[in-house]
Amino acid sequence: MGYLKYKFDSTPFDVNLISTEDVVSVRNDGGEIIIEYGSGYQVALEDDNVSLSQDDVNTIIKGVNILNGSSGSTLDIEFTKLVSSATLSAV
């Protein structure tokens, strides 16, 4: 299982990880990025203005494709805006 590592909030060393295992879909839902997993959960990422873009979706998809089949690896990614919220919920 690989992880995407991204900067979270404005603290210099504040980062979060996104699991790339069992990702079913990644979509932009009105400026909020939704990552759905086969396990029945989803992660919603948003910035302060709920203005993340399709470029951010593409960044996640590219990272998932790069880490496909890896074990314990991380890949640093950068979003167009600083992510300020990450919420886990059931689909």
Protein backbone atom coordinates (compact mmCIF):
# COMPACT_ATOMS: atom_id res chain seq x y z
CA MET A 1 0.00 0.00 0.00
CA GLY A 2 1.35 3.40 -0.99
CA TYR A 3 0.53 6.84 0.33
CA LEU A 4 0.28 10.31 -1.15
CA LYS A 5 1.77 12.93 1.18
CA TYR A 6 0.48 16.49 0.98
CA LYS A 7 0.90 19.73 2.91
CA PHE A 8 -1.94 20.38 5.31
CA ASP A 9 -2.65 23.78 6.86
CA SER A 10 0.09 26.42 6.93
CA THR A 11 2.41 24.88 9.53
CA PRO A 12 5.77 24.05 7.87
CA PHE A 13 5.82 20.38 8.89
CA ASP A 14 2.07 19.67 8.98
CA VAL A 15 1.40 16.95 6.39
CA ASN A 16 -1.30 14.35 5.82
CA LEU A 17 -1.31 11.01 4.03
CA ILE A 18 -3.82 9.62 1.53
CA SER A 19 -3.90 5.86 1.10
CA THR A 20 -3.70 4.75 -2.54
CA GLU A 21 -4.96 1.24 -1.83
CA ASP A 22 -8.42 0.27 -3.13
CA VAL A 23 -9.26 3.73 -4.56
CA VAL A 24 -12.49 3.40 -6.57
CA SER A 25 -12.96 6.99 -7.71
CA VAL A 26 -11.66 10.53 -7.35
CA ARG A 27 -13.89 13.46 -8.26
CA ASN A 28 -14.38 17.18 -7.81
CA ASP A 29 -17.66 17.94 -6.08
CA GLY A 30 -18.04 21.72 -6.26
CA GLY A 31 -14.49 22.51 -5.12
CA GLU A 32 -14.28 19.61 -2.68
CA ILE A 33 -12.25 16.55 -3.70
CA ILE A 34 -13.93 13.22 -2.90
CA ILE A 35 -11.82 10.03 -2.82
CA GLU A 36 -13.94 6.87 -2.60
CA TYR A 37 -12.55 3.51 -1.48
CA GLY A 38 -13.81 -0.01 -2.15
CA SER A 39 -14.17 -0.48 1.60
CA GLY A 40 -17.23 1.80 1.64
CA TYR A 41 -15.50 4.90 2.99
CA GLN A 42 -14.62 8.22 1.42
CA VAL A 43 -12.27 11.08 2.21
CA ALA A 44 -13.33 14.65 1.44
CA LEU A 45 -10.57 17.25 1.02
CA GLU A 46 -11.22 20.98 0.87
CA ASP A 47 -9.48 24.30 1.23
CA ASP A 48 -10.80 27.34 3.11
CA ASN A 49 -12.73 28.58 0.05
CA VAL A 50 -13.90 25.15 -1.20
CA SER A 51 -12.09 25.85 -4.48
CA LEU A 52 -9.97 22.77 -5.24
CA SER A 53 -9.94 22.04 -8.97
CA GLN A 54 -9.86 19.29 -11.58
CA ASP A 55 -6.07 19.74 -11.62
CA ASP A 56 -6.07 18.50 -8.01
CA VAL A 57 -8.14 15.45 -9.01
CA ASN A 58 -5.63 14.74 -11.78
CA THR A 59 -2.75 15.06 -9.29
CA ILE A 60 -4.32 12.41 -7.04
CA ILE A 61 -5.09 10.06 -9.95
CA LYS A 62 -1.53 10.39 -11.27
CA GLY A 63 -0.12 9.62 -7.81
CA VAL A 64 -2.41 6.59 -7.38
CA ASN A 65 -1.25 5.28 -10.77
CA ILE A 66 2.43 5.80 -9.90
CA LEU A 67 2.13 4.01 -6.55
CA ASN A 68 -0.06 1.19 -7.85
CA GLY A 69 1.21 -2.04 -6.31
CA SER A 70 3.87 -0.42 -4.15
CA SER A 71 4.37 -1.28 -0.51
CA GLY A 72 5.02 1.39 2.11
CA SER A 73 6.08 4.01 -0.42
CA THR A 74 5.10 7.67 -0.25
CA LEU A 75 4.88 10.26 -2.99
CA ASP A 76 4.84 13.99 -2.28
CA ILE A 77 2.07 15.83 -4.12
CA GLU A 78 1.06 19.48 -4.20
CA PHE A 79 -2.46 20.83 -4.59
CA THR A 80 -3.39 24.13 -6.25
CA LYS A 81 -4.63 25.41 -2.87
CA LEU A 82 -3.66 24.60 0.71
CA VAL A 83 -5.92 21.84 2.04
CA SER A 84 -7.48 22.86 5.34
CA SER A 85 -9.92 20.01 5.97
CA ALA A 86 -9.88 16.23 5.49
CA THR A 87 -13.01 14.34 6.52
CA LEU A 88 -13.52 10.55 6.58
CA SER A 89 -17.07 9.22 6.27
CA ALA A 90 -19.03 6.18 5.16
CA VAL A 91 -20.35 6.24 1.58
